[in-house]
């Protein structure tokens, strides 16, 4: 298992989508824990799901 630290000054969806070119799996999470928001994905999670080139 390899861990790579990569810091970029771009929108998170763009950075994670670019990283998905060389990954087998991307794991995303949410910081908000309210009951209503737990039913919905955040904008970054949603964007990564739609544009990633690997499993999310």
PDB file of N, CA and C in Angstrom:
ATOM      1  N   UNK A   1       0.835  -1.172   0.000  1.00  0.00           N
ATOM      2  CA  UNK A   1       0.000   0.000   0.000  1.00  0.00           C
ATOM      3  C   UNK A   1       0.880   1.237   0.000  1.00  0.00           C
ATOM      4  N   UNK A   2       0.573   2.170  -0.901  1.00  0.00           N
ATOM      5  CA  UNK A   2       1.349   3.403  -0.995  1.00  0.00           C
ATOM      6  C   UNK A   2       0.497   4.594  -0.610  1.00  0.00           C
ATOM      7  N   UNK A   3       1.103   5.535   0.081  1.00  0.00           N
ATOM      8  CA  UNK A   3       0.451   6.783   0.431  1.00  0.00           C
ATOM      9  C   UNK A   3       1.245   7.902  -0.209  1.00  0.00           C
ATOM     10  N   UNK A   4       0.554   8.767  -0.960  1.00  0.00           N
ATOM     11  CA  UNK A   4       1.220   9.871  -1.639  1.00  0.00           C
ATOM     12  C   UNK A   4       0.610  11.179  -1.156  1.00  0.00           C
ATOM     13  N   UNK A   5       1.441  12.077  -0.686  1.00  0.00           N
ATOM     14  CA  UNK A   5       0.977  13.403  -0.284  1.00  0.00           C
ATOM     15  C   UNK A   5       1.162  14.347  -1.458  1.00  0.00           C
ATOM     16  N   UNK A   6       0.079  14.999  -1.877  1.00  0.00           N
ATOM     17  CA  UNK A   6       0.109  15.878  -3.048  1.00  0.00           C
ATOM     18  C   UNK A   6      -0.714  17.112  -2.727  1.00  0.00           C
ATOM     19  N   UNK A   7      -0.060  18.250  -2.584  1.00  0.00           N
ATOM     20  CA  UNK A   7      -0.746  19.486  -2.217  1.00  0.00           C
ATOM     21  C   UNK A   7      -0.891  20.354  -3.452  1.00  0.00           C
ATOM     22  N   UNK A   8      -2.126  20.792  -3.734  1.00  0.00           N
ATOM     23  CA  UNK A   8      -2.401  21.619  -4.910  1.00  0.00           C
ATOM     24  C   UNK A   8      -3.262  22.806  -4.523  1.00  0.00           C
ATOM     25  N   UNK A   9      -3.127  23.883  -5.273  1.00  0.00           N
ATOM     26  CA  UNK A   9      -3.926  25.092  -5.052  1.00  0.00           C
ATOM     27  C   UNK A   9      -4.997  25.191  -6.141  1.00  0.00           C
ATOM     28  N   UNK A  10      -5.891  24.209  -6.170  1.00  0.00           N
ATOM     29  CA  UNK A  10      -7.002  24.174  -7.119  1.00  0.00           C
ATOM     30  C   UNK A  10      -8.247  23.717  -6.375  1.00  0.00           C
ATOM     31  N   UNK A  11      -9.390  23.768  -7.051  1.00  0.00           N
ATOM     32  CA  UNK A  11     -10.631  23.295  -6.439  1.00  0.00           C
ATOM     33  C   UNK A  11     -10.484  21.806  -6.113  1.00  0.00           C
ATOM     34  N   UNK A  12     -11.007  21.357  -4.981  1.00  0.00           N
ATOM     35  CA  UNK A  12     -10.849  19.954  -4.573  1.00  0.00           C
ATOM     36  C   UNK A  12     -11.364  18.948  -5.603  1.00  0.00           C
ATOM     37  N   UNK A  13     -12.466  19.262  -6.287  1.00  0.00           N
ATOM     38  CA  UNK A  13     -12.985  18.322  -7.294  1.00  0.00           C
ATOM     39  C   UNK A  13     -11.972  18.150  -8.417  1.00  0.00           C
ATOM     40  N   UNK A  14     -11.361  19.238  -8.859  1.00  0.00           N
ATOM     41  CA  UNK A  14     -10.356  19.163  -9.919  1.00  0.00           C
ATOM     42  C   UNK A  14      -9.136  18.358  -9.471  1.00  0.00           C
ATOM     43  N   UNK A  15      -8.659  18.621  -8.253  1.00  0.00           N
ATOM     44  CA  UNK A  15      -7.483  17.906  -7.746  1.00  0.00           C
ATOM     45  C   UNK A  15      -7.759  16.414  -7.595  1.00  0.00           C
ATOM     46  N   UNK A  16      -8.904  16.069  -7.042  1.00  0.00           N
ATOM     47  CA  UNK A  16      -9.234  14.652  -6.845  1.00  0.00           C
ATOM     48  C   UNK A  16      -9.518  13.938  -8.161  1.00  0.00           C
ATOM     49  N   UNK A  17     -10.162  14.629  -9.086  1.00  0.00           N
ATOM     50  CA  UNK A  17     -10.414  14.039 -10.405  1.00  0.00           C
ATOM     51  C   UNK A  17      -9.101  13.786 -11.128  1.00  0.00           C
ATOM     52  N   UNK A  18      -8.181  14.742 -11.081  1.00  0.00           N
ATOM     53  CA  UNK A  18      -6.857  14.545 -11.689  1.00  0.00           C
ATOM     54  C   UNK A  18      -6.129  13.376 -11.032  1.00  0.00           C
ATOM     55  N   UNK A  19      -6.219  13.277  -9.711  1.00  0.00           N
ATOM     56  CA  UNK A  19      -5.547  12.193  -8.987  1.00  0.00           C
ATOM     57  C   UNK A  19      -6.145  10.838  -9.329  1.00  0.00           C
ATOM     58  N   UNK A  20      -7.406  10.817  -9.725  1.00  0.00           N
ATOM     59  CA  UNK A  20      -8.065   9.540 -10.027  1.00  0.00           C
ATOM     60  C   UNK A  20      -7.487   8.843 -11.253  1.00  0.00           C
ATOM     61  N   UNK A  21      -6.691   9.569 -12.047  1.00  0.00           N
ATOM     62  CA  UNK A  21      -6.026   8.957 -13.206  1.00  0.00           C
ATOM     63  C   UNK A  21      -5.062   7.848 -12.788  1.00  0.00           C
ATOM     64  N   UNK A  22      -4.457   7.998 -11.629  1.00  0.00           N
ATOM     65  CA  UNK A  22      -3.425   7.049 -11.194  1.00  0.00           C
ATOM     66  C   UNK A  22      -3.810   6.279  -9.937  1.00  0.00           C
ATOM     67  N   UNK A  23      -5.073   6.362  -9.526  1.00  0.00           N
ATOM     68  CA  UNK A  23      -5.539   5.685  -8.307  1.00  0.00           C
ATOM     69  C   UNK A  23      -6.452   4.516  -8.639  1.00  0.00           C
ATOM     70  N   UNK A  24      -6.528   3.598  -7.709  1.00  0.00           N
ATOM     71  CA  UNK A  24      -7.494   2.502  -7.799  1.00  0.00           C
ATOM     72  C   UNK A  24      -8.772   2.851  -7.052  1.00  0.00           C
ATOM     73  N   UNK A  25      -8.665   3.732  -6.042  1.00  0.00           N
ATOM     74  CA  UNK A  25      -9.805   4.064  -5.196  1.00  0.00           C
ATOM     75  C   UNK A  25      -9.612   5.449  -4.604  1.00  0.00           C
ATOM     76  N   UNK A  26     -10.669   6.269  -4.634  1.00  0.00           N
ATOM     77  CA  UNK A  26     -10.692   7.554  -3.934  1.00  0.00           C
ATOM     78  C   UNK A  26     -11.712   7.446  -2.816  1.00  0.00           C
ATOM     79  N   UNK A  27     -11.345   7.917  -1.636  1.00  0.00           N
ATOM     80  CA  UNK A  27     -12.257   7.910  -0.498  1.00  0.00           C
ATOM     81  C   UNK A  27     -12.541   9.358  -0.136  1.00  0.00           C
ATOM     82  N   UNK A  28     -13.824   9.725  -0.111  1.00  0.00           N
ATOM     83  CA  UNK A  28     -14.218  11.086   0.250  1.00  0.00           C
ATOM     84  C   UNK A  28     -15.177  11.021   1.429  1.00  0.00           C
ATOM     85  N   UNK A  29     -15.225  12.077   2.195  1.00  0.00           N
ATOM     86  CA  UNK A  29     -16.100  12.111   3.351  1.00  0.00           C
ATOM     87  C   UNK A  29     -16.751  13.470   3.499  1.00  0.00           C
ATOM     88  N   UNK A  30     -17.486  13.630   4.571  1.00  0.00           N
ATOM     89  CA  UNK A  30     -18.180  14.872   4.837  1.00  0.00           C
ATOM     90  C   UNK A  30     -17.890  15.312   6.261  1.00  0.00           C
ATOM     91  N   UNK A  31     -17.820  16.612   6.470  1.00  0.00           N
ATOM     92  CA  UNK A  31     -17.553  17.122   7.811  1.00  0.00           C
ATOM     93  C   UNK A  31     -18.831  17.464   8.549  1.00  0.00           C
ATOM     94  N   UNK A  32     -19.950  17.606   7.842  1.00  0.00           N
ATOM     95  CA  UNK A  32     -21.220  17.970   8.465  1.00  0.00           C
ATOM     96  C   UNK A  32     -21.928  16.711   8.939  1.00  0.00           C
ATOM     97  N   UNK A  33     -22.449  16.723  10.152  1.00  0.00           N
ATOM     98  CA  UNK A  33     -23.033  15.511  10.723  1.00  0.00           C
ATOM     99  C   UNK A  33     -24.518  15.643  11.064  1.00  0.00           C
ATOM    100  N   UNK A  34     -25.198  16.629  10.507  1.00  0.00           N
ATOM    101  CA  UNK A  34     -26.623  16.756  10.807  1.00  0.00           C
ATOM    102  C   UNK A  34     -27.413  15.662  10.089  1.00  0.00           C
ATOM    103  N   UNK A  35     -28.574  15.326  10.605  1.00  0.00           N
ATOM    104  CA  UNK A  35     -29.383  14.232  10.050  1.00  0.00           C
ATOM    105  C   UNK A  35     -29.786  14.511   8.607  1.00  0.00           C
ATOM    106  N   UNK A  36     -30.206  15.733   8.321  1.00  0.00           N
ATOM    107  CA  UNK A  36     -30.640  16.074   6.964  1.00  0.00           C
ATOM    108  C   UNK A  36     -29.478  16.012   5.985  1.00  0.00           C
ATOM    109  N   UNK A  37     -28.353  16.592   6.343  1.00  0.00           N
ATOM    110  CA  UNK A  37     -27.230  16.615   5.412  1.00  0.00           C
ATOM    111  C   UNK A  37     -26.589  15.240   5.238  1.00  0.00           C
ATOM    112  N   UNK A  38     -26.796  14.341   6.172  1.00  0.00           N
ATOM    113  CA  UNK A  38     -26.226  13.006   6.030  1.00  0.00           C
ATOM    114  C   UNK A  38     -26.924  12.228   4.916  1.00  0.00           C
ATOM    115  N   UNK A  39     -28.124  12.676   4.531  1.00  0.00           N
ATOM    116  CA  UNK A  39     -28.838  12.041   3.426  1.00  0.00           C
ATOM    117  C   UNK A  39     -28.328  12.512   2.072  1.00  0.00           C
ATOM    118  N   UNK A  40     -27.632  13.629   2.043  1.00  0.00           N
ATOM    119  CA  UNK A  40     -27.156  14.226   0.797  1.00  0.00           C
ATOM    120  C   UNK A  40     -25.638  14.261   0.782  1.00  0.00           C
ATOM    121  N   UNK A  41     -25.070  14.145  -0.399  1.00  0.00           N
ATOM    122  CA  UNK A  41     -23.630  14.284  -0.540  1.00  0.00           C
ATOM    123  C   UNK A  41     -23.268  15.751  -0.675  1.00  0.00           C
ATOM    124  N   UNK A  42     -22.092  16.110  -0.225  1.00  0.00           N
ATOM    125  CA  UNK A  42     -21.616  17.477  -0.405  1.00  0.00           C
ATOM    126  C   UNK A  42     -21.230  17.720  -1.854  1.00  0.00           C
ATOM    127  N   UNK A  43     -20.982  18.969  -2.203  1.00  0.00           N
ATOM    128  CA  UNK A  43     -20.679  19.312  -3.594  1.00  0.00           C
ATOM    129  C   UNK A  43     -19.385  18.665  -4.077  1.00  0.00           C
ATOM    130  N   UNK A  44     -18.371  18.559  -3.201  1.00  0.00           N
ATOM    131  CA  UNK A  44     -17.115  17.921  -3.603  1.00  0.00           C
ATOM    132  C   UNK A  44     -17.334  16.429  -3.825  1.00  0.00           C
ATOM    133  N   UNK A  45     -18.000  15.772  -2.894  1.00  0.00           N
ATOM    134  CA  UNK A  45     -18.270  14.340  -3.045  1.00  0.00           C
ATOM    135  C   UNK A  45     -19.065  14.067  -4.310  1.00  0.00           C
ATOM    136  N   UNK A  46     -20.075  14.879  -4.560  1.00  0.00           N
ATOM    137  CA  UNK A  46     -20.913  14.711  -5.741  1.00  0.00           C
ATOM    138  C   UNK A  46     -20.091  14.926  -7.015  1.00  0.00           C
ATOM    139  N   UNK A  47     -19.266  15.967  -7.027  1.00  0.00           N
ATOM    140  CA  UNK A  47     -18.429  16.250  -8.196  1.00  0.00           C
ATOM    141  C   UNK A  47     -17.437  15.143  -8.475  1.00  0.00           C
ATOM    142  N   UNK A  48     -16.819  14.613  -7.408  1.00  0.00           N
ATOM    143  CA  UNK A  48     -15.854  13.523  -7.572  1.00  0.00           C
ATOM    144  C   UNK A  48     -16.553  12.271  -8.092  1.00  0.00           C
ATOM    145  N   UNK A  49     -17.733  11.974  -7.566  1.00  0.00           N
ATOM    146  CA  UNK A  49     -18.481  10.799  -8.039  1.00  0.00           C
ATOM    147  C   UNK A  49     -18.758  10.863  -9.527  1.00  0.00           C
ATOM    148  N   UNK A  50     -19.063  12.051 -10.016  1.00  0.00           N
ATOM    149  CA  UNK A  50     -19.438  12.206 -11.430  1.00  0.00           C
ATOM    150  C   UNK A  50     -18.244  12.273 -12.368  1.00  0.00           C
ATOM    151  N   UNK A  51     -17.064  12.655 -11.864  1.00  0.00           N
ATOM    152  CA  UNK A  51     -15.941  12.887 -12.762  1.00  0.00           C
ATOM    153  C   UNK A  51     -14.712  11.998 -12.532  1.00  0.00           C
ATOM    154  N   UNK A  52     -14.682  11.245 -11.460  1.00  0.00           N
ATOM    155  CA  UNK A  52     -13.507  10.413 -11.163  1.00  0.00           C
ATOM    156  C   UNK A  52     -13.363   9.287 -12.198  1.00  0.00           C
ATOM    157  N   UNK A  53     -12.119   8.910 -12.426  1.00  0.00           N
ATOM    158  CA  UNK A  53     -11.798   7.854 -13.384  1.00  0.00           C
ATOM    159  C   UNK A  53     -11.418   6.542 -12.688  1.00  0.00           C
ATOM    160  N   UNK A  54     -11.831   6.429 -11.423  1.00  0.00           N
ATOM    161  CA  UNK A  54     -11.603   5.196 -10.659  1.00  0.00           C
ATOM    162  C   UNK A  54     -12.786   5.024  -9.704  1.00  0.00           C
ATOM    163  N   UNK A  55     -12.758   3.980  -8.926  1.00  0.00           N
ATOM    164  CA  UNK A  55     -13.825   3.747  -7.946  1.00  0.00           C
ATOM    165  C   UNK A  55     -13.785   4.801  -6.861  1.00  0.00           C
ATOM    166  N   UNK A  56     -14.969   5.211  -6.402  1.00  0.00           N
ATOM    167  CA  UNK A  56     -15.076   6.219  -5.336  1.00  0.00           C
ATOM    168  C   UNK A  56     -15.855   5.602  -4.193  1.00  0.00           C
TER     169      UNK A  56
END
